[in-house]
Amino acid sequence: MKDISTIKNSTEIKKILRCAFDLTDLEVSITLMLPPEGMRVKEIQNILKKDRTTIQKSLKILVDKELIFRESKCCVQGKRGRYFVYKSLDRQEIRKRVLTNIDKWYEGLQESVKSF
């Protein structure tokens, strides 16, 4: 079982990500749940119990914001076609981007206050 500080930190991280990148709760959940080896849409759908199109829309937003990326894979031998595996950026990279966004906000707020 998680201790209180871990739960609090987890909640705070989710709030920060939601605010820093203008994400929905679903988009934050997807970003945080993706393992290093990645996941397919169907796997994400099964875990989050959301409609496939809802998951795909959120994945597209996250790819566009460059918080996750997708890799094209060939189907197993004997089957035709391709599928995508979605992977999150490294936590360090996400942390760096959050801090960059916070710095930009701060600078923007300073300019707004100065021109007030």
PDB file of N, CA and C in Angstrom:
ATOM      1  N   MET A   1       0.835  -1.185   0.000  1.00  0.00           N
ATOM      2  CA  MET A   1       0.000   0.000   0.000  1.00  0.00           C
ATOM      3  C   MET A   1       0.880   1.249   0.000  1.00  0.00           C
ATOM      4  N   LYS A   2       0.474   2.257  -0.753  1.00  0.00           N
ATOM      5  CA  LYS A   2       1.235   3.506  -0.820  1.00  0.00           C
ATOM      6  C   LYS A   2       1.067   4.293   0.472  1.00  0.00           C
ATOM      7  N   ASP A   3       2.152   4.957   0.886  1.00  0.00           N
ATOM      8  CA  ASP A   3       2.017   5.818   2.053  1.00  0.00           C
ATOM      9  C   ASP A   3       1.429   7.168   1.631  1.00  0.00           C
ATOM     10  N   ILE A   4       1.029   7.948   2.620  1.00  0.00           N
ATOM     11  CA  ILE A   4       0.338   9.213   2.368  1.00  0.00           C
ATOM     12  C   ILE A   4       1.182  10.167   1.523  1.00  0.00           C
ATOM     13  N   SER A   5       2.482  10.272   1.805  1.00  0.00           N
ATOM     14  CA  SER A   5       3.322  11.212   1.054  1.00  0.00           C
ATOM     15  C   SER A   5       3.426  10.822  -0.413  1.00  0.00           C
ATOM     16  N   THR A   6       3.468   9.515  -0.702  1.00  0.00           N
ATOM     17  CA  THR A   6       3.527   9.056  -2.091  1.00  0.00           C
ATOM     18  C   THR A   6       2.239   9.411  -2.820  1.00  0.00           C
ATOM     19  N   ILE A   7       1.113   9.197  -2.161  1.00  0.00           N
ATOM     20  CA  ILE A   7      -0.180   9.527  -2.764  1.00  0.00           C
ATOM     21  C   ILE A   7      -0.270  11.037  -2.997  1.00  0.00           C
ATOM     22  N   LYS A   8       0.152  11.826  -2.013  1.00  0.00           N
ATOM     23  CA  LYS A   8       0.116  13.283  -2.152  1.00  0.00           C
ATOM     24  C   LYS A   8       1.010  13.721  -3.302  1.00  0.00           C
ATOM     25  N   ASN A   9       2.230  13.176  -3.376  1.00  0.00           N
ATOM     26  CA  ASN A   9       3.148  13.534  -4.457  1.00  0.00           C
ATOM     27  C   ASN A   9       2.567  13.149  -5.806  1.00  0.00           C
ATOM     28  N   SER A  10       1.943  11.989  -5.880  1.00  0.00           N
ATOM     29  CA  SER A  10       1.337  11.519  -7.122  1.00  0.00           C
ATOM     30  C   SER A  10       0.228  12.472  -7.566  1.00  0.00           C
ATOM     31  N   THR A  11      -0.590  12.898  -6.631  1.00  0.00           N
ATOM     32  CA  THR A  11      -1.671  13.831  -6.940  1.00  0.00           C
ATOM     33  C   THR A  11      -1.107  15.171  -7.390  1.00  0.00           C
ATOM     34  N   GLU A  12      -0.074  15.633  -6.722  1.00  0.00           N
ATOM     35  CA  GLU A  12       0.555  16.903  -7.093  1.00  0.00           C
ATOM     36  C   GLU A  12       1.169  16.820  -8.488  1.00  0.00           C
ATOM     37  N   ILE A  13       1.833  15.713  -8.798  1.00  0.00           N
ATOM     38  CA  ILE A  13       2.445  15.523 -10.122  1.00  0.00           C
ATOM     39  C   ILE A  13       1.365  15.594 -11.197  1.00  0.00           C
ATOM     40  N   LYS A  14       0.245  14.937 -10.955  1.00  0.00           N
ATOM     41  CA  LYS A  14      -0.851  14.950 -11.927  1.00  0.00           C
ATOM     42  C   LYS A  14      -1.375  16.367 -12.146  1.00  0.00           C
ATOM     43  N   LYS A  15      -1.526  17.125 -11.067  1.00  0.00           N
ATOM     44  CA  LYS A  15      -1.999  18.508 -11.181  1.00  0.00           C
ATOM     45  C   LYS A  15      -1.010  19.354 -11.976  1.00  0.00           C
ATOM     46  N   ILE A  16       0.273  19.159 -11.693  1.00  0.00           N
ATOM     47  CA  ILE A  16       1.310  19.932 -12.388  1.00  0.00           C
ATOM     48  C   ILE A  16       1.307  19.616 -13.875  1.00  0.00           C
ATOM     49  N   LEU A  17       1.245  18.329 -14.222  1.00  0.00           N
ATOM     50  CA  LEU A  17       1.224  17.940 -15.638  1.00  0.00           C
ATOM     51  C   LEU A  17      -0.016  18.488 -16.339  1.00  0.00           C
ATOM     52  N   ARG A  18      -1.151  18.389 -15.658  1.00  0.00           N
ATOM     53  CA  ARG A  18      -2.406  18.877 -16.233  1.00  0.00           C
ATOM     54  C   ARG A  18      -2.292  20.373 -16.542  1.00  0.00           C
ATOM     55  N   CYS A  19      -1.733  21.111 -15.617  1.00  0.00           N
ATOM     56  CA  CYS A  19      -1.619  22.561 -15.783  1.00  0.00           C
ATOM     57  C   CYS A  19      -0.502  22.944 -16.757  1.00  0.00           C
ATOM     58  N   ALA A  20       0.656  22.320 -16.640  1.00  0.00           N
ATOM     59  CA  ALA A  20       1.822  22.695 -17.454  1.00  0.00           C
ATOM     60  C   ALA A  20       1.616  22.443 -18.941  1.00  0.00           C
ATOM     61  N   PHE A  21       0.836  21.409 -19.263  1.00  0.00           N
ATOM     62  CA  PHE A  21       0.662  21.045 -20.670  1.00  0.00           C
ATOM     63  C   PHE A  21      -0.785  21.126 -21.138  1.00  0.00           C
ATOM     64  N   ASP A  22      -1.673  21.655 -20.284  1.00  0.00           N
ATOM     65  CA  ASP A  22      -3.090  21.775 -20.618  1.00  0.00           C
ATOM     66  C   ASP A  22      -3.664  20.416 -21.012  1.00  0.00           C
ATOM     67  N   LEU A  23      -3.515  19.444 -20.107  1.00  0.00           N
ATOM     68  CA  LEU A  23      -3.959  18.075 -20.361  1.00  0.00           C
ATOM     69  C   LEU A  23      -5.238  17.761 -19.600  1.00  0.00           C
ATOM     70  N   THR A  24      -5.967  16.790 -20.111  1.00  0.00           N
ATOM     71  CA  THR A  24      -7.121  16.250 -19.393  1.00  0.00           C
ATOM     72  C   THR A  24      -6.621  15.188 -18.416  1.00  0.00           C
ATOM     73  N   ASP A  25      -7.499  14.760 -17.517  1.00  0.00           N
ATOM     74  CA  ASP A  25      -7.134  13.689 -16.585  1.00  0.00           C
ATOM     75  C   ASP A  25      -6.736  12.424 -17.338  1.00  0.00           C
ATOM     76  N   LEU A  26      -7.459  12.120 -18.410  1.00  0.00           N
ATOM     77  CA  LEU A  26      -7.155  10.929 -19.201  1.00  0.00           C
ATOM     78  C   LEU A  26      -5.768  11.033 -19.827  1.00  0.00           C
ATOM     79  N   GLU A  27      -5.437  12.186 -20.370  1.00  0.00           N
ATOM     80  CA  GLU A  27      -4.127  12.373 -21.004  1.00  0.00           C
ATOM     81  C   GLU A  27      -2.995  12.249 -19.987  1.00  0.00           C
ATOM     82  N   VAL A  28      -3.216  12.765 -18.781  1.00  0.00           N
ATOM     83  CA  VAL A  28      -2.219  12.620 -17.715  1.00  0.00           C
ATOM     84  C   VAL A  28      -2.066  11.149 -17.353  1.00  0.00           C
ATOM     85  N   SER A  29      -3.180  10.447 -17.206  1.00  0.00           N
ATOM     86  CA  SER A  29      -3.130   9.020 -16.863  1.00  0.00           C
ATOM     87  C   SER A  29      -2.357   8.223 -17.905  1.00  0.00           C
ATOM     88  N   ILE A  30      -2.621   8.496 -19.167  1.00  0.00           N
ATOM     89  CA  ILE A  30      -1.922   7.784 -20.240  1.00  0.00           C
ATOM     90  C   ILE A  30      -0.429   8.075 -20.183  1.00  0.00           C
ATOM     91  N   THR A  31      -0.068   9.337 -20.017  1.00  0.00           N
ATOM     92  CA  THR A  31       1.347   9.719 -19.968  1.00  0.00           C
ATOM     93  C   THR A  31       2.075   8.986 -18.851  1.00  0.00           C
ATOM     94  N   LEU A  32       1.455   8.902 -17.683  1.00  0.00           N
ATOM     95  CA  LEU A  32       2.103   8.295 -16.525  1.00  0.00           C
ATOM     96  C   LEU A  32       2.093   6.770 -16.549  1.00  0.00           C
ATOM     97  N   MET A  33       1.166   6.174 -17.283  1.00  0.00           N
ATOM     98  CA  MET A  33       1.055   4.711 -17.251  1.00  0.00           C
ATOM     99  C   MET A  33       1.910   4.000 -18.287  1.00  0.00           C
ATOM    100  N   LEU A  34       2.360   4.704 -19.319  1.00  0.00           N
ATOM    101  CA  LEU A  34       3.087   4.037 -20.399  1.00  0.00           C
ATOM    102  C   LEU A  34       4.434   3.505 -19.916  1.00  0.00           C
ATOM    103  N   PRO A  35       4.667   2.201 -20.069  1.00  0.00           N
ATOM    104  CA  PRO A  35       5.953   1.620 -19.665  1.00  0.00           C
ATOM    105  C   PRO A  35       7.023   1.886 -20.725  1.00  0.00           C
ATOM    106  N   PRO A  36       8.294   1.689 -20.383  1.00  0.00           N
ATOM    107  CA  PRO A  36       9.381   1.932 -21.347  1.00  0.00           C
ATOM    108  C   PRO A  36       9.226   1.157 -22.657  1.00  0.00           C
ATOM    109  N   GLU A  37       8.679  -0.044 -22.583  1.00  0.00           N
ATOM    110  CA  GLU A  37       8.519  -0.843 -23.806  1.00  0.00           C
ATOM    111  C   GLU A  37       7.310  -0.407 -24.631  1.00  0.00           C
ATOM    112  N   GLY A  38       6.467   0.461 -24.067  1.00  0.00           N
ATOM    113  CA  GLY A  38       5.326   0.990 -24.793  1.00  0.00           C
ATOM    114  C   GLY A  38       4.093   0.110 -24.697  1.00  0.00           C
ATOM    115  N   MET A  39       3.000   0.626 -25.226  1.00  0.00           N
ATOM    116  CA  MET A  39       1.725  -0.092 -25.220  1.00  0.00           C
ATOM    117  C   MET A  39       0.972   0.204 -26.503  1.00  0.00           C
ATOM    118  N   ARG A  40       0.140  -0.758 -26.885  1.00  0.00           N
ATOM    119  CA  ARG A  40      -0.758  -0.574 -28.019  1.00  0.00           C
ATOM    120  C   ARG A  40      -2.059   0.051 -27.523  1.00  0.00           C
ATOM    121  N   VAL A  41      -2.824   0.607 -28.457  1.00  0.00           N
ATOM    122  CA  VAL A  41      -4.091   1.253 -28.114  1.00  0.00           C
ATOM    123  C   VAL A  41      -4.997   0.284 -27.361  1.00  0.00           C
ATOM    124  N   LYS A  42      -5.097  -0.926 -27.825  1.00  0.00           N
ATOM    125  CA  LYS A  42      -5.982  -1.922 -27.204  1.00  0.00           C
ATOM    126  C   LYS A  42      -5.592  -2.179 -25.746  1.00  0.00           C
ATOM    127  N   GLU A  43      -4.295  -2.223 -25.468  1.00  0.00           N
ATOM    128  CA  GLU A  43      -3.836  -2.444 -24.090  1.00  0.00           C
ATOM    129  C   GLU A  43      -4.224  -1.271 -23.193  1.00  0.00           C
ATOM    130  N   ILE A  44      -4.039  -0.065 -23.702  1.00  0.00           N
ATOM    131  CA  ILE A  44      -4.408   1.132 -22.940  1.00  0.00           C
ATOM    132  C   ILE A  44      -5.915   1.150 -22.710  1.00  0.00           C
ATOM    133  N   GLN A  45      -6.654   0.827 -23.747  1.00  0.00           N
ATOM    134  CA  GLN A  45      -8.118   0.790 -23.676  1.00  0.00           C
ATOM    135  C   GLN A  45      -8.583  -0.207 -22.615  1.00  0.00           C
ATOM    136  N   ASN A  46      -7.983  -1.380 -22.578  1.00  0.00           N
ATOM    137  CA  ASN A  46      -8.373  -2.402 -21.606  1.00  0.00           C
ATOM    138  C   ASN A  46      -8.115  -1.962 -20.169  1.00  0.00           C
ATOM    139  N   ILE A  47      -7.030  -1.246 -19.946  1.00  0.00           N
ATOM    140  CA  ILE A  47      -6.697  -0.799 -18.594  1.00  0.00           C
ATOM    141  C   ILE A  47      -7.591   0.359 -18.158  1.00  0.00           C
ATOM    142  N   LEU A  48      -7.768   1.340 -19.025  1.00  0.00           N
ATOM    143  CA  LEU A  48      -8.507   2.548 -18.655  1.00  0.00           C
ATOM    144  C   LEU A  48     -10.015   2.442 -18.856  1.00  0.00           C
ATOM    145  N   LYS A  49     -10.450   1.386 -19.532  1.00  0.00           N
ATOM    146  CA  LYS A  49     -11.891   1.158 -19.745  1.00  0.00           C
ATOM    147  C   LYS A  49     -12.568   2.347 -20.431  1.00  0.00           C
ATOM    148  N   LYS A  50     -11.906   2.844 -21.468  1.00  0.00           N
ATOM    149  CA  LYS A  50     -12.453   3.942 -22.270  1.00  0.00           C
ATOM    150  C   LYS A  50     -12.628   3.469 -23.704  1.00  0.00           C
ATOM    151  N   ASP A  51     -13.458   4.177 -24.449  1.00  0.00           N
ATOM    152  CA  ASP A  51     -13.694   3.870 -25.852  1.00  0.00           C
ATOM    153  C   ASP A  51     -12.405   4.045 -26.656  1.00  0.00           C
ATOM    154  N   ARG A  52     -12.233   3.211 -27.666  1.00  0.00           N
ATOM    155  CA  ARG A  52     -11.028   3.251 -28.498  1.00  0.00           C
ATOM    156  C   ARG A  52     -10.795   4.638 -29.113  1.00  0.00           C
ATOM    157  N   THR A  53     -11.856   5.261 -29.619  1.00  0.00           N
ATOM    158  CA  THR A  53     -11.692   6.576 -30.249  1.00  0.00           C
ATOM    159  C   THR A  53     -11.276   7.635 -29.226  1.00  0.00           C
ATOM    160  N   THR A  54     -11.757   7.511 -27.999  1.00  0.00           N
ATOM    161  CA  THR A  54     -11.367   8.434 -26.933  1.00  0.00           C
ATOM    162  C   THR A  54      -9.876   8.293 -26.638  1.00  0.00           C
ATOM    163  N   ILE A  55      -9.413   7.058 -26.554  1.00  0.00           N
ATOM    164  CA  ILE A  55      -7.989   6.786 -26.311  1.00  0.00           C
ATOM    165  C   ILE A  55      -7.157   7.328 -27.470  1.00  0.00           C
ATOM    166  N   GLN A  56      -7.589   7.062 -28.690  1.00  0.00           N
ATOM    167  CA  GLN A  56      -6.827   7.514 -29.857  1.00  0.00           C
ATOM    168  C   GLN A  56      -6.750   9.041 -29.923  1.00  0.00           C
ATOM    169  N   LYS A  57      -7.828   9.718 -29.577  1.00  0.00           N
ATOM    170  CA  LYS A  57      -7.825  11.182 -29.572  1.00  0.00           C
ATOM    171  C   LYS A  57      -6.811  11.702 -28.548  1.00  0.00           C
ATOM    172  N   SER A  58      -6.821  11.123 -27.362  1.00  0.00           N
ATOM    173  CA  SER A  58      -5.871  11.535 -26.324  1.00  0.00           C
ATOM    174  C   SER A  58      -4.435  11.240 -26.735  1.00  0.00           C
ATOM    175  N   LEU A  59      -4.212  10.091 -27.359  1.00  0.00           N
ATOM    176  CA  LEU A  59      -2.866   9.745 -27.826  1.00  0.00           C
ATOM    177  C   LEU A  59      -2.379  10.747 -28.870  1.00  0.00           C
ATOM    178  N   LYS A  60      -3.266  11.141 -29.776  1.00  0.00           N
ATOM    179  CA  LYS A  60      -2.875  12.118 -30.804  1.00  0.00           C
ATOM    180  C   LYS A  60      -2.478  13.446 -30.168  1.00  0.00           C
ATOM    181  N   ILE A  61      -3.247  13.887 -29.191  1.00  0.00           N
ATOM    182  CA  ILE A  61      -2.931  15.136 -28.491  1.00  0.00           C
ATOM    183  C   ILE A  61      -1.565  15.035 -27.815  1.00  0.00           C
ATOM    184  N   LEU A  62      -1.311  13.911 -27.151  1.00  0.00           N
ATOM    185  CA  LEU A  62      -0.032  13.726 -26.459  1.00  0.00           C
ATOM    186  C   LEU A  62       1.141  13.645 -27.429  1.00  0.00           C
ATOM    187  N   VAL A  63       0.931  13.004 -28.575  1.00  0.00           N
ATOM    188  CA  VAL A  63       1.980  12.950 -29.606  1.00  0.00           C
ATOM    189  C   VAL A  63       2.232  14.359 -30.144  1.00  0.00           C
ATOM    190  N   ASP A  64       1.156  15.110 -30.414  1.00  0.00           N
ATOM    191  CA  ASP A  64       1.290  16.482 -30.921  1.00  0.00           C
ATOM    192  C   ASP A  64       2.028  17.384 -29.930  1.00  0.00           C
ATOM    193  N   LYS A  65       1.815  17.146 -28.633  1.00  0.00           N
ATOM    194  CA  LYS A  65       2.495  17.938 -27.597  1.00  0.00           C
ATOM    195  C   LYS A  65       3.882  17.376 -27.279  1.00  0.00           C
ATOM    196  N   GLU A  66       4.239  16.313 -27.973  1.00  0.00           N
ATOM    197  CA  GLU A  66       5.547  15.665 -27.840  1.00  0.00           C
ATOM    198  C   GLU A  66       5.830  15.167 -26.425  1.00  0.00           C
ATOM    199  N   LEU A  67       4.776  14.705 -25.736  1.00  0.00           N
ATOM    200  CA  LEU A  67       4.948  14.082 -24.432  1.00  0.00           C
ATOM    201  C   LEU A  67       5.087  12.576 -24.562  1.00  0.00           C
ATOM    202  N   ILE A  68       4.560  12.043 -25.656  1.00  0.00           N
ATOM    203  CA  ILE A  68       4.734  10.635 -25.979  1.00  0.00           C
ATOM    204  C   ILE A  68       5.105  10.548 -27.458  1.00  0.00           C
ATOM    205  N   PHE A  69       5.539   9.381 -27.865  1.00  0.00           N
ATOM    206  CA  PHE A  69       5.809   9.159 -29.282  1.00  0.00           C
ATOM    207  C   PHE A  69       5.321   7.768 -29.642  1.00  0.00           C
ATOM    208  N   ARG A  70       5.185   7.545 -30.931  1.00  0.00           N
ATOM    209  CA  ARG A  70       4.711   6.239 -31.364  1.00  0.00           C
ATOM    210  C   ARG A  70       5.713   5.628 -32.325  1.00  0.00           C
ATOM    211  N   GLU A  71       5.802   4.314 -32.242  1.00  0.00           N
ATOM    212  CA  GLU A  71       6.664   3.555 -33.141  1.00  0.00           C
ATOM    213  C   GLU A  71       5.795   2.605 -33.942  1.00  0.00           C
ATOM    214  N   SER A  72       6.077   2.530 -35.223  1.00  0.00           N
ATOM    215  CA  SER A  72       5.362   1.616 -36.099  1.00  0.00           C
ATOM    216  C   SER A  72       6.039   0.252 -36.035  1.00  0.00           C
ATOM    217  N   LYS A  73       5.251  -0.792 -35.870  1.00  0.00           N
ATOM    218  CA  LYS A  73       5.771  -2.159 -35.789  1.00  0.00           C
ATOM    219  C   LYS A  73       5.080  -3.022 -36.839  1.00  0.00           C
ATOM    220  N   CYS A  74       5.800  -4.017 -37.329  1.00  0.00           N
ATOM    221  CA  CYS A  74       5.214  -4.990 -38.253  1.00  0.00           C
ATOM    222  C   CYS A  74       4.462  -6.045 -37.454  1.00  0.00           C
ATOM    223  N   CYS A  75       3.374  -6.505 -38.023  1.00  0.00           N
ATOM    224  CA  CYS A  75       2.641  -7.594 -37.384  1.00  0.00           C
ATOM    225  C   CYS A  75       3.496  -8.851 -37.386  1.00  0.00           C
ATOM    226  N   VAL A  76       3.117  -9.801 -36.561  1.00  0.00           N
ATOM    227  CA  VAL A  76       3.871 -11.052 -36.473  1.00  0.00           C
ATOM    228  C   VAL A  76       3.897 -11.748 -37.824  1.00  0.00           C
ATOM    229  N   GLN A  77       4.894 -12.578 -38.009  1.00  0.00           N
ATOM    230  CA  GLN A  77       5.060 -13.259 -39.293  1.00  0.00           C
ATOM    231  C   GLN A  77       3.794 -14.032 -39.660  1.00  0.00           C
ATOM    232  N   GLY A  78       3.417 -13.925 -40.905  1.00  0.00           N
ATOM    233  CA  GLY A  78       2.211 -14.588 -41.381  1.00  0.00           C
ATOM    234  C   GLY A  78       1.000 -13.670 -41.416  1.00  0.00           C
ATOM    235  N   LYS A  79       1.093 -12.540 -40.733  1.00  0.00           N
ATOM    236  CA  LYS A  79       0.004 -11.562 -40.753  1.00  0.00           C
ATOM    237  C   LYS A  79       0.486 -10.320 -41.476  1.00  0.00           C
ATOM    238  N   ARG A  80      -0.437  -9.670 -42.151  1.00  0.00           N
ATOM    239  CA  ARG A  80      -0.100  -8.442 -42.871  1.00  0.00           C
ATOM    240  C   ARG A  80      -0.437  -7.238 -42.008  1.00  0.00           C
ATOM    241  N   GLY A  81       0.206  -6.142 -42.315  1.00  0.00           N
ATOM    242  CA  GLY A  81      -0.144  -4.896 -41.650  1.00  0.00           C
ATOM    243  C   GLY A  81       0.884  -4.418 -40.644  1.00  0.00           C
ATOM    244  N   ARG A  82       0.528  -3.306 -40.031  1.00  0.00           N
ATOM    245  CA  ARG A  82       1.388  -2.658 -39.050  1.00  0.00           C
ATOM    246  C   ARG A  82       0.517  -2.213 -37.871  1.00  0.00           C
ATOM    247  N   TYR A  83       1.166  -1.964 -36.772  1.00  0.00           N
ATOM    248  CA  TYR A  83       0.480  -1.394 -35.620  1.00  0.00           C
ATOM    249  C   TYR A  83       1.423  -0.408 -34.939  1.00  0.00           C
ATOM    250  N   PHE A  84       0.871   0.410 -34.063  1.00  0.00           N
ATOM    251  CA  PHE A  84       1.671   1.409 -33.364  1.00  0.00           C
ATOM    252  C   PHE A  84       1.811   1.053 -31.894  1.00  0.00           C
ATOM    253  N   VAL A  85       2.992   1.321 -31.376  1.00  0.00           N
ATOM    254  CA  VAL A  85       3.268   1.201 -29.948  1.00  0.00           C
ATOM    255  C   VAL A  85       3.557   2.614 -29.450  1.00  0.00           C
ATOM    256  N   TYR A  86       2.870   3.008 -28.390  1.00  0.00           N
ATOM    257  CA  TYR A  86       3.029   4.354 -27.836  1.00  0.00           C
ATOM    258  C   TYR A  86       3.924   4.298 -26.605  1.00  0.00           C
ATOM    259  N   LYS A  87       4.889   5.224 -26.556  1.00  0.00           N
ATOM    260  CA  LYS A  87       5.847   5.282 -25.453  1.00  0.00           C
ATOM    261  C   LYS A  87       5.916   6.704 -24.917  1.00  0.00           C
ATOM    262  N   SER A  88       6.111   6.808 -23.618  1.00  0.00           N
ATOM    263  CA  SER A  88       6.256   8.116 -22.985  1.00  0.00           C
ATOM    264  C   SER A  88       7.704   8.578 -23.069  1.00  0.00           C
ATOM    265  N   LEU A  89       7.892   9.880 -23.002  1.00  0.00           N
ATOM    266  CA  LEU A  89       9.245  10.407 -22.890  1.00  0.00           C
ATOM    267  C   LEU A  89       9.839   9.961 -21.562  1.00  0.00           C
ATOM    268  N   ASP A  90      11.133  10.006 -21.463  1.00  0.00           N
ATOM    269  CA  ASP A  90      11.831   9.739 -20.217  1.00  0.00           C
ATOM    270  C   ASP A  90      11.355  10.740 -19.154  1.00  0.00           C
ATOM    271  N   ARG A  91      11.204  10.289 -17.918  1.00  0.00           N
ATOM    272  CA  ARG A  91      10.711  11.164 -16.837  1.00  0.00           C
ATOM    273  C   ARG A  91      11.572  12.420 -16.680  1.00  0.00           C
ATOM    274  N   GLN A  92      12.881  12.276 -16.865  1.00  0.00           N
ATOM    275  CA  GLN A  92      13.778  13.429 -16.767  1.00  0.00           C
ATOM    276  C   GLN A  92      13.431  14.473 -17.827  1.00  0.00           C
ATOM    277  N   GLU A  93      13.133  14.013 -19.039  1.00  0.00           N
ATOM    278  CA  GLU A  93      12.787  14.931 -20.127  1.00  0.00           C
ATOM    279  C   GLU A  93      11.461  15.637 -19.834  1.00  0.00           C
ATOM    280  N   ILE A  94      10.493  14.899 -19.312  1.00  0.00           N
ATOM    281  CA  ILE A  94       9.206  15.513 -18.957  1.00  0.00           C
ATOM    282  C   ILE A  94       9.426  16.553 -17.859  1.00  0.00           C
ATOM    283  N   ARG A  95      10.227  16.208 -16.859  1.00  0.00           N
ATOM    284  CA  ARG A  95      10.530  17.135 -15.768  1.00  0.00           C
ATOM    285  C   ARG A  95      11.161  18.421 -16.314  1.00  0.00           C
ATOM    286  N   LYS A  96      12.101  18.264 -17.236  1.00  0.00           N
ATOM    287  CA  LYS A  96      12.771  19.419 -17.836  1.00  0.00           C
ATOM    288  C   LYS A  96      11.769  20.305 -18.584  1.00  0.00           C
ATOM    289  N   ARG A  97      10.853  19.690 -19.310  1.00  0.00           N
ATOM    290  CA  ARG A  97       9.857  20.451 -20.064  1.00  0.00           C
ATOM    291  C   ARG A  97       8.877  21.169 -19.133  1.00  0.00           C
ATOM    292  N   VAL A  98       8.516  20.521 -18.014  1.00  0.00           N
ATOM    293  CA  VAL A  98       7.640  21.172 -17.035  1.00  0.00           C
ATOM    294  C   VAL A  98       8.326  22.424 -16.489  1.00  0.00           C
ATOM    295  N   LEU A  99       9.585  22.289 -16.106  1.00  0.00           N
ATOM    296  CA  LEU A  99      10.318  23.432 -15.557  1.00  0.00           C
ATOM    297  C   LEU A  99      10.467  24.556 -16.580  1.00  0.00           C
ATOM    298  N   THR A 100      10.685  24.201 -17.829  1.00  0.00           N
ATOM    299  CA  THR A 100      10.770  25.207 -18.895  1.00  0.00           C
ATOM    300  C   THR A 100       9.445  25.955 -19.028  1.00  0.00           C
ATOM    301  N   ASN A 101       8.335  25.215 -19.005  1.00  0.00           N
ATOM    302  CA  ASN A 101       7.012  25.852 -19.097  1.00  0.00           C
ATOM    303  C   ASN A 101       6.751  26.776 -17.909  1.00  0.00           C
ATOM    304  N   ILE A 102       7.154  26.342 -16.712  1.00  0.00           N
ATOM    305  CA  ILE A 102       6.967  27.173 -15.522  1.00  0.00           C
ATOM    306  C   ILE A 102       7.765  28.466 -15.660  1.00  0.00           C
ATOM    307  N   ASP A 103       8.996  28.371 -16.140  1.00  0.00           N
ATOM    308  CA  ASP A 103       9.820  29.570 -16.351  1.00  0.00           C
ATOM    309  C   ASP A 103       9.158  30.520 -17.348  1.00  0.00           C
ATOM    310  N   LYS A 104       8.597  29.980 -18.426  1.00  0.00           N
ATOM    311  CA  LYS A 104       7.924  30.815 -19.429  1.00  0.00           C
ATOM    312  C   LYS A 104       6.713  31.522 -18.826  1.00  0.00           C
ATOM    313  N   TRP A 105       5.929  30.788 -18.021  1.00  0.00           N
ATOM    314  CA  TRP A 105       4.772  31.399 -17.370  1.00  0.00           C
ATOM    315  C   TRP A 105       5.214  32.538 -16.467  1.00  0.00           C
ATOM    316  N   TYR A 106       6.240  32.269 -15.689  1.00  0.00           N
ATOM    317  CA  TYR A 106       6.736  33.266 -14.744  1.00  0.00           C
ATOM    318  C   TYR A 106       7.156  34.538 -15.480  1.00  0.00           C
ATOM    319  N   GLU A 107       7.898  34.378 -16.547  1.00  0.00           N
ATOM    320  CA  GLU A 107       8.333  35.525 -17.342  1.00  0.00           C
ATOM    321  C   GLU A 107       7.129  36.266 -17.927  1.00  0.00           C
ATOM    322  N   GLY A 108       6.151  35.513 -18.422  1.00  0.00           N
ATOM    323  CA  GLY A 108       4.941  36.124 -18.968  1.00  0.00           C
ATOM    324  C   GLY A 108       4.153  36.883 -17.913  1.00  0.00           C
ATOM    325  N   LEU A 109       4.054  36.315 -16.714  1.00  0.00           N
ATOM    326  CA  LEU A 109       3.352  36.985 -15.621  1.00  0.00           C
ATOM    327  C   LEU A 109       4.075  38.264 -15.208  1.00  0.00           C
ATOM    328  N   GLN A 110       5.395  38.205 -15.165  1.00  0.00           N
ATOM    329  CA  GLN A 110       6.165  39.401 -14.820  1.00  0.00           C
ATOM    330  C   GLN A 110       5.894  40.524 -15.817  1.00  0.00           C
ATOM    331  N   GLU A 111       5.884  40.183 -17.093  1.00  0.00           N
ATOM    332  CA  GLU A 111       5.621  41.188 -18.130  1.00  0.00           C
ATOM    333  C   GLU A 111       4.214  41.757 -17.995  1.00  0.00           C
ATOM    334  N   SER A 112       3.255  40.898 -17.695  1.00  0.00           N
ATOM    335  CA  SER A 112       1.870  41.362 -17.529  1.00  0.00           C
ATOM    336  C   SER A 112       1.750  42.327 -16.360  1.00  0.00           C
ATOM    337  N   VAL A 113       2.403  42.000 -15.247  1.00  0.00           N
ATOM    338  CA  VAL A 113       2.337  42.851 -14.061  1.00  0.00           C
ATOM    339  C   VAL A 113       3.050  44.177 -14.326  1.00  0.00           C
ATOM    340  N   LYS A 114       4.175  44.128 -15.017  1.00  0.00           N
ATOM    341  CA  LYS A 114       4.922  45.355 -15.323  1.00  0.00           C
ATOM    342  C   LYS A 114       4.114  46.296 -16.215  1.00  0.00           C
ATOM    343  N   SER A 115       3.341  45.736 -17.119  1.00  0.00           N
ATOM    344  CA  SER A 115       2.567  46.570 -18.046  1.00  0.00           C
ATOM    345  C   SER A 115       1.199  46.962 -17.486  1.00  0.00           C
ATOM    346  N   PHE A 116       0.894  46.534 -16.283  1.00  0.00           N
ATOM    347  CA  PHE A 116      -0.395  46.812 -15.645  1.00  0.00           C
ATOM    348  C   PHE A 116      -0.518  48.257 -15.270  1.00  0.00           C
TER     349      PHE A 116
END
